[in-house]
């Protein structure tokens, strides 16, 4: 695998993660602005993450998984 392969794989994974976060959030009926507040980010950053245009940190991914498991719907 070359660096170019990794970069292409990375951007694809970034989009897949964002789409998965968005699907889970919608399925659990959690507003994007509410999830953004939990992650301590702006709602426009939440949108960029869900659309694969921004990275999500490991602590943010942990918070997303915890939030989706514990917030009432």
N, C-alpha and C. Protein backbone atom coordinates (compact mmCIF):
# COMPACT_ATOMS: atom_id res chain seq x y z
N UNK A 1 0.85 -1.17 0.00
CA UNK A 1 0.00 0.00 0.00
C UNK A 1 0.90 1.24 0.00
N UNK A 2 0.58 2.19 -0.83
CA UNK A 2 1.35 3.43 -0.90
C UNK A 2 0.63 4.53 -0.15
N UNK A 3 1.31 5.67 0.04
CA UNK A 3 0.70 6.82 0.72
C UNK A 3 -0.55 7.28 -0.01
N UNK A 4 -0.53 7.26 -1.34
CA UNK A 4 -1.70 7.66 -2.13
C UNK A 4 -2.88 6.75 -1.84
N UNK A 5 -2.64 5.47 -1.76
CA UNK A 5 -3.71 4.52 -1.43
C UNK A 5 -4.30 4.84 -0.06
N UNK A 6 -3.45 5.15 0.89
CA UNK A 6 -3.90 5.44 2.24
C UNK A 6 -4.75 6.70 2.27
N UNK A 7 -4.34 7.76 1.55
CA UNK A 7 -5.09 9.00 1.53
C UNK A 7 -6.48 8.78 0.95
N UNK A 8 -6.58 8.02 -0.14
CA UNK A 8 -7.88 7.74 -0.76
C UNK A 8 -8.74 6.91 0.19
N UNK A 9 -8.16 5.93 0.81
CA UNK A 9 -8.87 5.09 1.77
C UNK A 9 -9.34 5.94 2.95
N UNK A 10 -8.47 6.83 3.42
CA UNK A 10 -8.78 7.67 4.56
C UNK A 10 -9.98 8.57 4.30
N UNK A 11 -10.04 9.23 3.15
CA UNK A 11 -11.17 10.13 2.86
C UNK A 11 -12.46 9.34 2.70
N UNK A 12 -12.38 8.15 2.14
CA UNK A 12 -13.56 7.31 2.00
C UNK A 12 -14.07 6.88 3.37
N UNK A 13 -13.17 6.50 4.24
CA UNK A 13 -13.54 6.09 5.59
C UNK A 13 -14.13 7.27 6.35
N UNK A 14 -13.55 8.44 6.18
CA UNK A 14 -14.06 9.64 6.83
C UNK A 14 -15.52 9.88 6.45
N UNK A 15 -15.85 9.73 5.17
CA UNK A 15 -17.23 9.90 4.72
C UNK A 15 -18.12 8.80 5.30
N UNK A 16 -17.65 7.56 5.30
CA UNK A 16 -18.45 6.46 5.83
C UNK A 16 -18.73 6.64 7.32
N UNK A 17 -17.75 7.09 8.07
CA UNK A 17 -17.95 7.35 9.50
C UNK A 17 -18.98 8.45 9.70
N UNK A 18 -18.83 9.53 8.95
CA UNK A 18 -19.78 10.63 9.05
C UNK A 18 -21.20 10.21 8.72
N UNK A 19 -21.35 9.42 7.67
CA UNK A 19 -22.69 8.94 7.29
C UNK A 19 -23.27 8.03 8.36
N UNK A 20 -22.44 7.22 8.95
CA UNK A 20 -22.90 6.32 10.02
C UNK A 20 -23.34 7.12 11.25
N UNK A 21 -22.56 8.13 11.60
CA UNK A 21 -22.93 8.99 12.74
C UNK A 21 -24.28 9.64 12.46
N UNK A 22 -24.44 10.17 11.25
CA UNK A 22 -25.70 10.83 10.90
C UNK A 22 -26.88 9.85 10.95
N UNK A 23 -26.69 8.65 10.42
CA UNK A 23 -27.77 7.67 10.43
C UNK A 23 -28.16 7.30 11.86
N UNK A 24 -27.18 7.04 12.69
CA UNK A 24 -27.46 6.70 14.09
C UNK A 24 -28.16 7.85 14.81
N UNK A 25 -27.69 9.07 14.55
CA UNK A 25 -28.30 10.24 15.19
C UNK A 25 -29.76 10.39 14.78
N UNK A 26 -30.03 10.24 13.49
CA UNK A 26 -31.40 10.35 12.99
C UNK A 26 -32.26 9.22 13.52
N UNK A 27 -31.73 8.00 13.50
CA UNK A 27 -32.48 6.84 14.01
C UNK A 27 -32.87 7.02 15.47
N UNK A 28 -31.99 7.65 16.25
CA UNK A 28 -32.25 7.87 17.67
C UNK A 28 -33.00 9.17 17.94
N UNK A 29 -33.33 9.89 16.84
CA UNK A 29 -34.08 11.15 16.94
C UNK A 29 -33.34 12.19 17.80
N UNK A 30 -32.03 12.26 17.59
CA UNK A 30 -31.20 13.25 18.28
C UNK A 30 -30.89 14.35 17.27
N UNK A 31 -31.18 15.59 17.63
CA UNK A 31 -30.89 16.72 16.75
C UNK A 31 -29.38 16.92 16.62
N UNK A 32 -28.96 17.34 15.45
CA UNK A 32 -27.53 17.57 15.22
C UNK A 32 -26.98 18.60 16.20
N UNK A 33 -27.77 19.62 16.49
CA UNK A 33 -27.31 20.65 17.42
C UNK A 33 -27.13 20.07 18.82
N UNK A 34 -27.95 19.11 19.22
CA UNK A 34 -27.81 18.48 20.54
C UNK A 34 -26.56 17.60 20.61
N UNK A 35 -26.31 16.86 19.54
CA UNK A 35 -25.10 16.03 19.52
C UNK A 35 -23.86 16.92 19.48
N UNK A 36 -23.92 18.00 18.73
CA UNK A 36 -22.80 18.94 18.68
C UNK A 36 -22.52 19.50 20.07
N UNK A 37 -23.56 19.79 20.83
CA UNK A 37 -23.38 20.32 22.19
C UNK A 37 -22.68 19.29 23.08
N UNK A 38 -23.05 18.02 22.94
CA UNK A 38 -22.42 16.96 23.72
C UNK A 38 -20.93 16.86 23.37
N UNK A 39 -20.62 17.04 22.09
CA UNK A 39 -19.23 16.95 21.63
C UNK A 39 -18.47 18.25 21.83
N UNK A 40 -19.16 19.28 22.29
CA UNK A 40 -18.56 20.60 22.50
C UNK A 40 -17.98 21.18 21.21
N UNK A 41 -18.79 21.06 20.14
CA UNK A 41 -18.42 21.63 18.84
C UNK A 41 -19.62 22.42 18.32
N UNK A 42 -19.37 23.26 17.32
CA UNK A 42 -20.43 24.02 16.69
C UNK A 42 -21.27 23.09 15.80
N UNK A 43 -22.52 23.45 15.58
CA UNK A 43 -23.40 22.61 14.76
C UNK A 43 -22.90 22.53 13.32
N UNK A 44 -22.25 23.60 12.82
CA UNK A 44 -21.72 23.51 11.46
C UNK A 44 -20.55 22.52 11.37
N UNK A 45 -19.79 22.36 12.44
CA UNK A 45 -18.73 21.35 12.47
C UNK A 45 -19.34 19.95 12.49
N UNK A 46 -20.45 19.79 13.20
CA UNK A 46 -21.16 18.51 13.21
C UNK A 46 -21.60 18.16 11.80
N UNK A 47 -22.11 19.14 11.08
CA UNK A 47 -22.52 18.92 9.69
C UNK A 47 -21.34 18.50 8.82
N UNK A 48 -20.19 19.15 9.00
CA UNK A 48 -19.00 18.80 8.22
C UNK A 48 -18.54 17.38 8.53
N UNK A 49 -18.61 16.98 9.78
CA UNK A 49 -18.23 15.60 10.15
C UNK A 49 -19.18 14.62 9.48
N UNK A 50 -20.48 14.87 9.59
CA UNK A 50 -21.46 13.95 9.01
C UNK A 50 -21.37 13.87 7.49
N UNK A 51 -20.89 14.92 6.85
CA UNK A 51 -20.77 14.93 5.40
C UNK A 51 -19.37 14.55 4.92
N UNK A 52 -18.52 14.10 5.84
CA UNK A 52 -17.20 13.63 5.48
C UNK A 52 -16.23 14.72 5.09
N UNK A 53 -16.51 15.96 5.48
CA UNK A 53 -15.62 17.07 5.13
C UNK A 53 -14.73 17.48 6.30
N UNK A 54 -14.89 16.84 7.45
CA UNK A 54 -14.05 17.13 8.61
C UNK A 54 -13.79 15.83 9.37
N UNK A 55 -12.65 15.79 10.01
CA UNK A 55 -12.30 14.62 10.81
C UNK A 55 -13.01 14.64 12.15
N UNK A 56 -13.26 13.47 12.65
CA UNK A 56 -13.81 13.29 13.99
C UNK A 56 -12.68 12.70 14.83
N UNK A 57 -12.46 13.27 16.01
CA UNK A 57 -11.39 12.76 16.87
C UNK A 57 -11.83 11.48 17.57
N UNK A 58 -10.88 10.75 18.08
CA UNK A 58 -11.20 9.53 18.82
C UNK A 58 -12.07 9.85 20.05
N UNK A 59 -11.75 10.89 20.84
CA UNK A 59 -12.64 11.22 21.95
C UNK A 59 -14.06 11.57 21.48
N UNK A 60 -14.18 12.23 20.32
CA UNK A 60 -15.50 12.54 19.79
C UNK A 60 -16.23 11.26 19.38
N UNK A 61 -15.52 10.34 18.76
CA UNK A 61 -16.15 9.06 18.40
C UNK A 61 -16.62 8.31 19.63
N UNK A 62 -15.81 8.35 20.68
CA UNK A 62 -16.21 7.71 21.93
C UNK A 62 -17.48 8.37 22.48
N UNK A 63 -17.51 9.69 22.47
CA UNK A 63 -18.68 10.41 22.98
C UNK A 63 -19.91 10.11 22.14
N UNK A 64 -19.74 10.02 20.82
CA UNK A 64 -20.87 9.67 19.94
C UNK A 64 -21.40 8.30 20.30
N UNK A 65 -20.53 7.33 20.47
CA UNK A 65 -21.01 5.98 20.77
C UNK A 65 -21.68 5.95 22.14
N UNK A 66 -21.14 6.65 23.11
CA UNK A 66 -21.73 6.69 24.44
C UNK A 66 -23.08 7.41 24.40
N UNK A 67 -23.14 8.53 23.71
CA UNK A 67 -24.37 9.31 23.60
C UNK A 67 -25.48 8.50 22.96
N UNK A 68 -25.17 7.82 21.89
CA UNK A 68 -26.19 7.05 21.18
C UNK A 68 -26.69 5.87 22.01
N UNK A 69 -25.90 5.43 22.93
CA UNK A 69 -26.34 4.31 23.76
C UNK A 69 -27.13 4.76 24.99
N UNK A 70 -26.98 6.02 25.39
CA UNK A 70 -27.57 6.42 26.67
C UNK A 70 -28.61 7.52 26.60
N UNK A 71 -28.63 8.35 25.57
CA UNK A 71 -29.62 9.41 25.52
C UNK A 71 -31.02 8.86 25.27
N UNK A 72 -32.01 9.31 25.97
CA UNK A 72 -33.37 8.83 25.69
C UNK A 72 -33.83 9.33 24.34
N UNK A 73 -34.69 8.55 23.70
CA UNK A 73 -35.24 8.96 22.41
C UNK A 73 -36.72 9.22 22.53
